[in-house]
Amino acid sequence: MVFNNRLKEVQKLVYDGFKSFFDRIAGFLGYPDVPGMPILPTDSKIRDQLTERELLPLHITEIPPQQIERPETLTEAFFGTFPYTMPVEKHFYQHKVEGYYNFYVENYRNMYFLPDWLSGYIQIHFNTTVDHSNLELGRDIFFYLVLLYGTIISIRTILFWMLAINPYTYPWVFVVDFVDWIYDGLAGILPCFVGIDLVPTFLAIIMGKIADSANHLVFTMPFLPSEGNQVKMLIDGELKDVIQFHYLPYLWYKYPIPMNL
């Protein structure tokens, strides 16, 4: 009897201890003022506005591009297909009412645009309107620079495992100078796993994400990004969500229409 009473006292102490511990954690997380998971509104229009972006397709890119056909050159046979940008395609059209510089792009949920102020600044101060090939070229150069730097990071990572190569001798020291300043800045932030530094892995992931994101940036000149209208169009017999830019651009109302047009 005495043993059972003592056992119940121990059980109560353990229960009270765990209850106090979990109550502190729950209180730190906001308990009991926890509203729970959000509930979608019953109004179908509001619900569609909240969920429509999640239903949009993804703009898929491949780095390097995967081609089924056989290599066409000796270089491709030895080194594979050379990567290239795969931006969102813009479809231009002319209309007597809407104007002559209209276009639309298929709406993707991972697509993004420049801010209005930056797009307007580029158009006004750099005379970039309908022809924005310089911006496209700059994006391509940025894309290849990121891939080049990613290749340098890969070479530096390989040097970690090549013990017979002294990375602080020429020409390897150039690779070290390009990459190690990032390693030194991130040292101690990312933990090691079974003795392996995770910084090179995460750095390669970041470089790949930046290069891939360059393909999702859409230039809307001569329109501002906010002038796009989300509509549905019948394209090749299929109803698709698109962003349409048409009529006279806002900047052409506010400022004179460029003379070179």
C-alpha atoms as a PDB file:
ATOM      1  CA  MET A   1       0.000   0.000   0.000  1.00  0.00           C
ATOM      2  CA  VAL A   2       2.794   2.372   0.928  1.00  0.00           C
ATOM      3  CA  PHE A   3       4.622   1.450  -2.281  1.00  0.00           C
ATOM      4  CA  ASN A   4       1.519   2.171  -4.396  1.00  0.00           C
ATOM      5  CA  ASN A   5       1.047   5.554  -2.724  1.00  0.00           C
ATOM      6  CA  ARG A   6       4.680   6.414  -3.316  1.00  0.00           C
ATOM      7  CA  LEU A   7       4.346   5.321  -6.968  1.00  0.00           C
ATOM      8  CA  LYS A   8       1.316   7.559  -7.415  1.00  0.00           C
ATOM      9  CA  GLU A   9       3.262  10.495  -5.959  1.00  0.00           C
ATOM     10  CA  VAL A  10       6.083   9.877  -8.446  1.00  0.00           C
ATOM     11  CA  GLN A  11       3.576   9.653 -11.300  1.00  0.00           C
ATOM     12  CA  LYS A  12       2.003  12.935 -10.222  1.00  0.00           C
ATOM     13  CA  LEU A  13       5.400  14.638 -10.042  1.00  0.00           C
ATOM     14  CA  VAL A  14       6.339  13.385 -13.495  1.00  0.00           C
ATOM     15  CA  TYR A  15       2.935  14.410 -14.898  1.00  0.00           C
ATOM     16  CA  ASP A  16       3.102  17.879 -13.334  1.00  0.00           C
ATOM     17  CA  GLY A  17       6.664  18.351 -14.561  1.00  0.00           C
ATOM     18  CA  PHE A  18       5.857  17.470 -18.164  1.00  0.00           C
ATOM     19  CA  LYS A  19       2.638  19.516 -18.021  1.00  0.00           C
ATOM     20  CA  SER A  20       4.546  22.560 -16.854  1.00  0.00           C
ATOM     21  CA  PHE A  21       7.195  22.011 -19.544  1.00  0.00           C
ATOM     22  CA  PHE A  22       4.705  21.718 -22.411  1.00  0.00           C
ATOM     23  CA  ASP A  23       2.591  24.605 -21.071  1.00  0.00           C
ATOM     24  CA  ARG A  24       5.648  26.847 -21.219  1.00  0.00           C
ATOM     25  CA  ILE A  25       6.348  25.820 -24.831  1.00  0.00           C
ATOM     26  CA  ALA A  26       2.707  26.283 -25.801  1.00  0.00           C
ATOM     27  CA  GLY A  27       2.603  29.659 -24.075  1.00  0.00           C
ATOM     28  CA  PHE A  28       5.698  30.750 -25.956  1.00  0.00           C
ATOM     29  CA  LEU A  29       3.954  29.811 -29.215  1.00  0.00           C
ATOM     30  CA  GLY A  30       0.845  31.822 -28.324  1.00  0.00           C
ATOM     31  CA  TYR A  31      -1.386  29.292 -26.559  1.00  0.00           C
ATOM     32  CA  PRO A  32      -4.279  29.589 -25.777  1.00  0.00           C
ATOM     33  CA  ASP A  33      -4.736  32.446 -28.305  1.00  0.00           C
ATOM     34  CA  VAL A  34      -4.175  30.165 -31.300  1.00  0.00           C
ATOM     35  CA  PRO A  35      -6.690  30.722 -34.100  1.00  0.00           C
ATOM     36  CA  GLY A  36      -5.838  27.431 -35.797  1.00  0.00           C
ATOM     37  CA  MET A  37      -5.413  26.811 -39.496  1.00  0.00           C
ATOM     38  CA  PRO A  38      -6.899  29.454 -41.808  1.00  0.00           C
ATOM     39  CA  ILE A  39     -10.238  28.568 -43.395  1.00  0.00           C
ATOM     40  CA  LEU A  40     -10.898  29.471 -47.000  1.00  0.00           C
ATOM     41  CA  PRO A  41     -13.796  31.924 -47.373  1.00  0.00           C
ATOM     42  CA  THR A  42     -17.126  30.585 -48.567  1.00  0.00           C
ATOM     43  CA  ASP A  43     -17.375  33.271 -51.246  1.00  0.00           C
ATOM     44  CA  SER A  44     -16.277  31.536 -54.465  1.00  0.00           C
ATOM     45  CA  LYS A  45     -14.822  34.695 -56.038  1.00  0.00           C
ATOM     46  CA  ILE A  46     -12.639  35.503 -53.016  1.00  0.00           C
ATOM     47  CA  ARG A  47     -11.601  31.860 -52.725  1.00  0.00           C
ATOM     48  CA  ASP A  48     -10.570  31.766 -56.386  1.00  0.00           C
ATOM     49  CA  GLN A  49      -8.504  34.948 -55.943  1.00  0.00           C
ATOM     50  CA  LEU A  50      -6.629  33.379 -53.021  1.00  0.00           C
ATOM     51  CA  THR A  51      -5.927  30.063 -54.729  1.00  0.00           C
ATOM     52  CA  GLU A  52      -5.622  30.951 -58.416  1.00  0.00           C
ATOM     53  CA  ARG A  53      -1.864  31.586 -58.283  1.00  0.00           C
ATOM     54  CA  GLU A  54      -1.200  28.143 -56.794  1.00  0.00           C
ATOM     55  CA  LEU A  55      -3.049  26.577 -59.731  1.00  0.00           C
ATOM     56  CA  LEU A  56      -0.884  28.291 -62.349  1.00  0.00           C
ATOM     57  CA  PRO A  57       1.748  26.192 -64.149  1.00  0.00           C
ATOM     58  CA  LEU A  58       5.469  26.466 -63.463  1.00  0.00           C
ATOM     59  CA  HIS A  59       7.918  27.844 -65.988  1.00  0.00           C
ATOM     60  CA  ILE A  60      10.246  24.865 -66.323  1.00  0.00           C
ATOM     61  CA  THR A  61      13.854  25.381 -67.347  1.00  0.00           C
ATOM     62  CA  GLU A  62      16.677  22.874 -67.697  1.00  0.00           C
ATOM     63  CA  ILE A  63      20.325  23.702 -67.012  1.00  0.00           C
ATOM     64  CA  PRO A  64      21.913  22.267 -69.062  1.00  0.00           C
ATOM     65  CA  PRO A  65      19.080  21.666 -71.549  1.00  0.00           C
ATOM     66  CA  GLN A  66      18.147  18.031 -71.984  1.00  0.00           C
ATOM     67  CA  GLN A  67      18.039  17.121 -75.653  1.00  0.00           C
ATOM     68  CA  ILE A  68      16.895  13.756 -76.926  1.00  0.00           C
ATOM     69  CA  GLU A  69      18.466  14.098 -80.371  1.00  0.00           C
ATOM     70  CA  ARG A  70      22.034  13.156 -80.996  1.00  0.00           C
ATOM     71  CA  PRO A  71      24.871  15.704 -80.630  1.00  0.00           C
ATOM     72  CA  GLU A  72      25.467  17.688 -83.774  1.00  0.00           C
ATOM     73  CA  THR A  73      29.071  18.756 -83.190  1.00  0.00           C
ATOM     74  CA  LEU A  74      32.211  17.151 -81.833  1.00  0.00           C
ATOM     75  CA  THR A  75      32.208  19.618 -78.931  1.00  0.00           C
ATOM     76  CA  GLU A  76      28.701  18.553 -77.890  1.00  0.00           C
ATOM     77  CA  ALA A  77      29.757  14.920 -78.122  1.00  0.00           C
ATOM     78  CA  PHE A  78      32.608  15.431 -75.641  1.00  0.00           C
ATOM     79  CA  PHE A  79      31.248  18.152 -73.357  1.00  0.00           C
ATOM     80  CA  GLY A  80      27.482  17.883 -73.730  1.00  0.00           C
ATOM     81  CA  THR A  81      24.953  20.517 -74.724  1.00  0.00           C
ATOM     82  CA  PHE A  82      26.020  24.058 -73.947  1.00  0.00           C
ATOM     83  CA  PRO A  83      23.539  25.768 -71.569  1.00  0.00           C
ATOM     84  CA  TYR A  84      21.491  28.679 -72.828  1.00  0.00           C
ATOM     85  CA  THR A  85      18.753  30.895 -71.448  1.00  0.00           C
ATOM     86  CA  MET A  86      15.115  29.816 -71.767  1.00  0.00           C
ATOM     87  CA  PRO A  87      13.152  32.953 -70.855  1.00  0.00           C
ATOM     88  CA  VAL A  88       9.376  33.300 -70.850  1.00  0.00           C
ATOM     89  CA  GLU A  89       8.242  33.718 -74.440  1.00  0.00           C
ATOM     90  CA  LYS A  90       6.457  36.938 -75.382  1.00  0.00           C
ATOM     91  CA  HIS A  91       3.866  36.923 -78.152  1.00  0.00           C
ATOM     92  CA  PHE A  92       3.467  40.240 -79.990  1.00  0.00           C
ATOM     93  CA  TYR A  93       0.451  41.241 -82.028  1.00  0.00           C
ATOM     94  CA  GLN A  94      -1.043  44.323 -83.683  1.00  0.00           C
ATOM     95  CA  HIS A  95      -4.608  45.570 -83.512  1.00  0.00           C
ATOM     96  CA  LYS A  96      -6.295  48.651 -84.976  1.00  0.00           C
ATOM     97  CA  VAL A  97      -7.964  49.479 -81.653  1.00  0.00           C
ATOM     98  CA  GLU A  98      -5.455  48.212 -79.100  1.00  0.00           C
ATOM     99  CA  GLY A  99      -2.334  49.454 -80.869  1.00  0.00           C
ATOM    100  CA  TYR A 100       0.777  48.128 -82.566  1.00  0.00           C
ATOM    101  CA  TYR A 101       3.007  47.157 -79.654  1.00  0.00           C
ATOM    102  CA  ASN A 102       0.782  44.705 -77.786  1.00  0.00           C
ATOM    103  CA  PHE A 103       2.011  41.421 -76.393  1.00  0.00           C
ATOM    104  CA  TYR A 104       1.067  38.748 -73.912  1.00  0.00           C
ATOM    105  CA  VAL A 105       2.950  36.152 -71.896  1.00  0.00           C
ATOM    106  CA  GLU A 106       1.662  32.938 -70.404  1.00  0.00           C
ATOM    107  CA  ASN A 107       1.082  33.371 -66.683  1.00  0.00           C
ATOM    108  CA  TYR A 108       3.385  31.290 -64.459  1.00  0.00           C
ATOM    109  CA  ARG A 109       3.465  31.287 -60.690  1.00  0.00           C
ATOM    110  CA  ASN A 110       7.277  31.471 -60.604  1.00  0.00           C
ATOM    111  CA  MET A 111       7.477  34.422 -63.012  1.00  0.00           C
ATOM    112  CA  TYR A 112       8.430  37.884 -61.818  1.00  0.00           C
ATOM    113  CA  PHE A 113       8.914  41.403 -63.166  1.00  0.00           C
ATOM    114  CA  LEU A 114      10.989  44.486 -62.433  1.00  0.00           C
ATOM    115  CA  PRO A 115       9.468  47.042 -60.035  1.00  0.00           C
ATOM    116  CA  ASP A 116       7.511  49.809 -61.738  1.00  0.00           C
ATOM    117  CA  TRP A 117       9.967  52.499 -60.634  1.00  0.00           C
ATOM    118  CA  LEU A 118      12.964  50.588 -62.006  1.00  0.00           C
ATOM    119  CA  SER A 119      11.247  49.703 -65.277  1.00  0.00           C
ATOM    120  CA  GLY A 120      10.183  53.330 -65.744  1.00  0.00           C
ATOM    121  CA  TYR A 121      13.663  54.631 -64.903  1.00  0.00           C
ATOM    122  CA  ILE A 122      15.268  52.348 -67.489  1.00  0.00           C
ATOM    123  CA  GLN A 123      12.787  53.365 -70.178  1.00  0.00           C
ATOM    124  CA  ILE A 124      13.080  57.106 -69.545  1.00  0.00           C
ATOM    125  CA  HIS A 125      16.799  57.520 -68.877  1.00  0.00           C
ATOM    126  CA  PHE A 126      18.179  54.824 -71.187  1.00  0.00           C
ATOM    127  CA  ASN A 127      15.707  55.256 -74.045  1.00  0.00           C
ATOM    128  CA  THR A 128      14.675  51.618 -73.811  1.00  0.00           C
ATOM    129  CA  THR A 129      11.155  51.127 -75.142  1.00  0.00           C
ATOM    130  CA  VAL A 130      10.019  48.593 -77.718  1.00  0.00           C
ATOM    131  CA  ASP A 131      13.542  47.407 -78.505  1.00  0.00           C
ATOM    132  CA  HIS A 132      15.003  46.132 -75.239  1.00  0.00           C
ATOM    133  CA  SER A 133      17.482  43.713 -76.762  1.00  0.00           C
ATOM    134  CA  ASN A 134      20.237  45.281 -74.632  1.00  0.00           C
ATOM    135  CA  LEU A 135      18.407  44.158 -71.486  1.00  0.00           C
ATOM    136  CA  GLU A 136      18.011  40.675 -72.930  1.00  0.00           C
ATOM    137  CA  LEU A 137      21.722  40.619 -73.742  1.00  0.00           C
ATOM    138  CA  GLY A 138      22.558  41.800 -70.215  1.00  0.00           C
ATOM    139  CA  ARG A 139      20.436  39.008 -68.763  1.00  0.00           C
ATOM    140  CA  ASP A 140      22.211  36.437 -70.942  1.00  0.00           C
ATOM    141  CA  ILE A 141      25.631  37.753 -69.883  1.00  0.00           C
ATOM    142  CA  PHE A 142      24.573  37.640 -66.236  1.00  0.00           C
ATOM    143  CA  PHE A 143      23.327  34.063 -66.764  1.00  0.00           C
ATOM    144  CA  TYR A 144      26.654  32.893 -68.191  1.00  0.00           C
ATOM    145  CA  LEU A 145      28.676  34.741 -65.544  1.00  0.00           C
ATOM    146  CA  VAL A 146      26.722  32.946 -62.812  1.00  0.00           C
ATOM    147  CA  LEU A 147      27.305  29.596 -64.534  1.00  0.00           C
ATOM    148  CA  LEU A 148      31.006  30.411 -64.910  1.00  0.00           C
ATOM    149  CA  TYR A 149      31.289  31.250 -61.237  1.00  0.00           C
ATOM    150  CA  GLY A 150      29.409  28.037 -60.408  1.00  0.00           C
ATOM    151  CA  THR A 151      32.005  26.131 -62.424  1.00  0.00           C
ATOM    152  CA  ILE A 152      34.804  27.828 -60.467  1.00  0.00           C
ATOM    153  CA  ILE A 153      33.083  26.794 -57.230  1.00  0.00           C
ATOM    154  CA  SER A 154      32.920  23.195 -58.489  1.00  0.00           C
ATOM    155  CA  ILE A 155      36.643  23.236 -59.297  1.00  0.00           C
ATOM    156  CA  ARG A 156      37.405  24.611 -55.819  1.00  0.00           C
ATOM    157  CA  THR A 157      35.305  21.848 -54.261  1.00  0.00           C
ATOM    158  CA  ILE A 158      37.183  19.204 -56.260  1.00  0.00           C
ATOM    159  CA  LEU A 159      40.479  20.631 -55.000  1.00  0.00           C
ATOM    160  CA  PHE A 160      39.375  19.823 -51.440  1.00  0.00           C
ATOM    161  CA  TRP A 161      39.554  16.137 -52.328  1.00  0.00           C
ATOM    162  CA  MET A 162      42.691  16.248 -54.475  1.00  0.00           C
ATOM    163  CA  LEU A 163      45.282  16.018 -51.717  1.00  0.00           C
ATOM    164  CA  ALA A 164      48.114  15.694 -54.222  1.00  0.00           C
ATOM    165  CA  ILE A 165      47.376  19.200 -55.581  1.00  0.00           C
ATOM    166  CA  ASN A 166      48.431  22.216 -53.569  1.00  0.00           C
ATOM    167  CA  PRO A 167      45.618  24.737 -54.176  1.00  0.00           C
ATOM    168  CA  TYR A 168      47.885  27.631 -53.161  1.00  0.00           C
ATOM    169  CA  THR A 169      50.126  27.202 -56.190  1.00  0.00           C
ATOM    170  CA  TYR A 170      49.604  28.518 -59.707  1.00  0.00           C
ATOM    171  CA  PRO A 171      47.213  28.264 -61.478  1.00  0.00           C
ATOM    172  CA  TRP A 172      44.946  26.880 -58.737  1.00  0.00           C
ATOM    173  CA  VAL A 173      45.470  29.894 -56.488  1.00  0.00           C
ATOM    174  CA  PHE A 174      43.251  31.959 -58.791  1.00  0.00           C
ATOM    175  CA  VAL A 175      40.347  29.598 -58.081  1.00  0.00           C
ATOM    176  CA  VAL A 176      41.043  29.880 -54.356  1.00  0.00           C
ATOM    177  CA  ASP A 177      41.034  33.678 -54.519  1.00  0.00           C
ATOM    178  CA  PHE A 178      37.698  33.688 -56.331  1.00  0.00           C
ATOM    179  CA  VAL A 179      35.888  31.382 -53.897  1.00  0.00           C
ATOM    180  CA  ASP A 180      37.548  31.246 -50.482  1.00  0.00           C
ATOM    181  CA  TRP A 181      36.408  34.720 -49.429  1.00  0.00           C
ATOM    182  CA  ILE A 182      32.848  33.375 -49.423  1.00  0.00           C
ATOM    183  CA  TYR A 183      33.924  30.283 -47.494  1.00  0.00           C
ATOM    184  CA  ASP A 184      35.617  32.483 -44.891  1.00  0.00           C
ATOM    185  CA  GLY A 185      32.495  34.638 -44.522  1.00  0.00           C
ATOM    186  CA  LEU A 186      30.223  31.614 -44.057  1.00  0.00           C
ATOM    187  CA  ALA A 187      32.619  29.691 -41.823  1.00  0.00           C
ATOM    188  CA  GLY A 188      30.891  28.710 -38.613  1.00  0.00           C
ATOM    189  CA  ILE A 189      27.388  29.585 -39.864  1.00  0.00           C
ATOM    190  CA  LEU A 190      26.667  26.261 -41.566  1.00  0.00           C
ATOM    191  CA  PRO A 191      27.551  23.193 -39.485  1.00  0.00           C
ATOM    192  CA  CYS A 192      29.663  20.311 -40.728  1.00  0.00           C
ATOM    193  CA  PHE A 193      28.018  16.938 -41.293  1.00  0.00           C
ATOM    194  CA  VAL A 194      30.155  13.861 -40.553  1.00  0.00           C
ATOM    195  CA  GLY A 195      33.205  16.050 -41.033  1.00  0.00           C
ATOM    196  CA  ILE A 196      32.085  17.432 -44.418  1.00  0.00           C
ATOM    197  CA  ASP A 197      31.691  21.182 -44.883  1.00  0.00           C
ATOM    198  CA  LEU A 198      28.241  21.973 -46.273  1.00  0.00           C
ATOM    199  CA  VAL A 199      29.140  25.458 -47.527  1.00  0.00           C
ATOM    200  CA  PRO A 200      30.205  24.295 -51.047  1.00  0.00           C
ATOM    201  CA  THR A 201      26.959  22.364 -51.466  1.00  0.00           C
ATOM    202  CA  PHE A 202      24.715  25.242 -50.417  1.00  0.00           C
ATOM    203  CA  LEU A 203      26.764  27.703 -52.472  1.00  0.00           C
ATOM    204  CA  ALA A 204      26.321  25.554 -55.580  1.00  0.00           C
ATOM    205  CA  ILE A 205      22.567  25.376 -54.913  1.00  0.00           C
ATOM    206  CA  ILE A 206      22.362  29.175 -54.600  1.00  0.00           C
ATOM    207  CA  MET A 207      24.293  29.691 -57.848  1.00  0.00           C
ATOM    208  CA  GLY A 208      21.993  27.271 -59.664  1.00  0.00           C
ATOM    209  CA  LYS A 209      18.902  29.002 -58.279  1.00  0.00           C
ATOM    210  CA  ILE A 210      20.157  32.437 -59.366  1.00  0.00           C
ATOM    211  CA  ALA A 211      20.956  31.188 -62.868  1.00  0.00           C
ATOM    212  CA  ASP A 212      17.569  29.505 -63.162  1.00  0.00           C
ATOM    213  CA  SER A 213      15.734  32.589 -61.870  1.00  0.00           C
ATOM    214  CA  ALA A 214      17.223  34.690 -64.666  1.00  0.00           C
ATOM    215  CA  ASN A 215      14.963  32.763 -67.037  1.00  0.00           C
ATOM    216  CA  HIS A 216      11.825  33.780 -65.123  1.00  0.00           C
ATOM    217  CA  LEU A 217      12.420  37.548 -65.332  1.00  0.00           C
ATOM    218  CA  VAL A 218      10.143  39.236 -67.891  1.00  0.00           C
ATOM    219  CA  PHE A 219      10.840  42.692 -69.335  1.00  0.00           C
ATOM    220  CA  THR A 220       7.605  44.529 -70.122  1.00  0.00           C
ATOM    221  CA  MET A 221       8.908  47.546 -72.049  1.00  0.00           C
ATOM    222  CA  PRO A 222       7.290  49.821 -73.273  1.00  0.00           C
ATOM    223  CA  PHE A 223       4.697  49.017 -70.581  1.00  0.00           C
ATOM    224  CA  LEU A 224       5.084  49.104 -66.824  1.00  0.00           C
ATOM    225  CA  PRO A 225       4.675  45.707 -65.135  1.00  0.00           C
ATOM    226  CA  SER A 226       1.572  46.895 -63.276  1.00  0.00           C
ATOM    227  CA  GLU A 227      -0.194  47.538 -66.615  1.00  0.00           C
ATOM    228  CA  GLY A 228      -0.540  43.822 -67.276  1.00  0.00           C
ATOM    229  CA  ASN A 229      -4.029  42.329 -67.158  1.00  0.00           C
ATOM    230  CA  GLN A 230      -4.573  38.735 -66.126  1.00  0.00           C
ATOM    231  CA  VAL A 231      -6.971  37.252 -68.669  1.00  0.00           C
ATOM    232  CA  LYS A 232      -7.724  33.928 -70.317  1.00  0.00           C
ATOM    233  CA  MET A 233      -6.981  33.335 -74.003  1.00  0.00           C
ATOM    234  CA  LEU A 234      -7.673  30.463 -76.331  1.00  0.00           C
ATOM    235  CA  ILE A 235      -4.212  29.458 -77.576  1.00  0.00           C
ATOM    236  CA  ASP A 236      -3.822  26.487 -79.941  1.00  0.00           C
ATOM    237  CA  GLY A 237      -7.262  25.271 -78.936  1.00  0.00           C
ATOM    238  CA  GLU A 238      -6.459  25.416 -75.193  1.00  0.00           C
ATOM    239  CA  LEU A 239      -7.701  28.004 -72.709  1.00  0.00           C
ATOM    240  CA  LYS A 240      -4.676  29.431 -70.872  1.00  0.00           C
ATOM    241  CA  ASP A 241      -4.027  32.087 -68.240  1.00  0.00           C
ATOM    242  CA  VAL A 242      -2.009  34.935 -69.719  1.00  0.00           C
ATOM    243  CA  ILE A 243      -0.886  38.430 -68.767  1.00  0.00           C
ATOM    244  CA  GLN A 244      -1.789  40.883 -71.517  1.00  0.00           C
ATOM    245  CA  PHE A 245      -0.168  44.253 -72.178  1.00  0.00           C
ATOM    246  CA  HIS A 246      -2.084  46.353 -74.672  1.00  0.00           C
ATOM    247  CA  TYR A 247      -3.320  49.836 -75.596  1.00  0.00           C
ATOM    248  CA  LEU A 248      -1.116  52.913 -75.158  1.00  0.00           C
ATOM    249  CA  PRO A 249       1.570  52.538 -72.449  1.00  0.00           C
ATOM    250  CA  TYR A 250       1.241  54.757 -69.393  1.00  0.00           C
ATOM    251  CA  LEU A 251       4.661  56.366 -69.906  1.00  0.00           C
ATOM    252  CA  TRP A 252       3.582  57.499 -73.366  1.00  0.00           C
ATOM    253  CA  TYR A 253       0.741  59.416 -71.728  1.00  0.00           C
ATOM    254  CA  LYS A 254       3.025  61.020 -69.163  1.00  0.00           C
ATOM    255  CA  TYR A 255       6.006  61.626 -71.461  1.00  0.00           C
ATOM    256  CA  PRO A 256       6.293  62.178 -75.214  1.00  0.00           C
ATOM    257  CA  ILE A 257       6.234  59.111 -77.439  1.00  0.00           C
ATOM    258  CA  PRO A 258       9.815  58.289 -78.521  1.00  0.00           C
ATOM    259  CA  MET A 259      10.642  59.795 -81.891  1.00  0.00           C
ATOM    260  CA  ASN A 260      12.496  56.683 -83.086  1.00  0.00           C
ATOM    261  CA  LEU A 261       9.202  54.782 -83.267  1.00  0.00           C
END
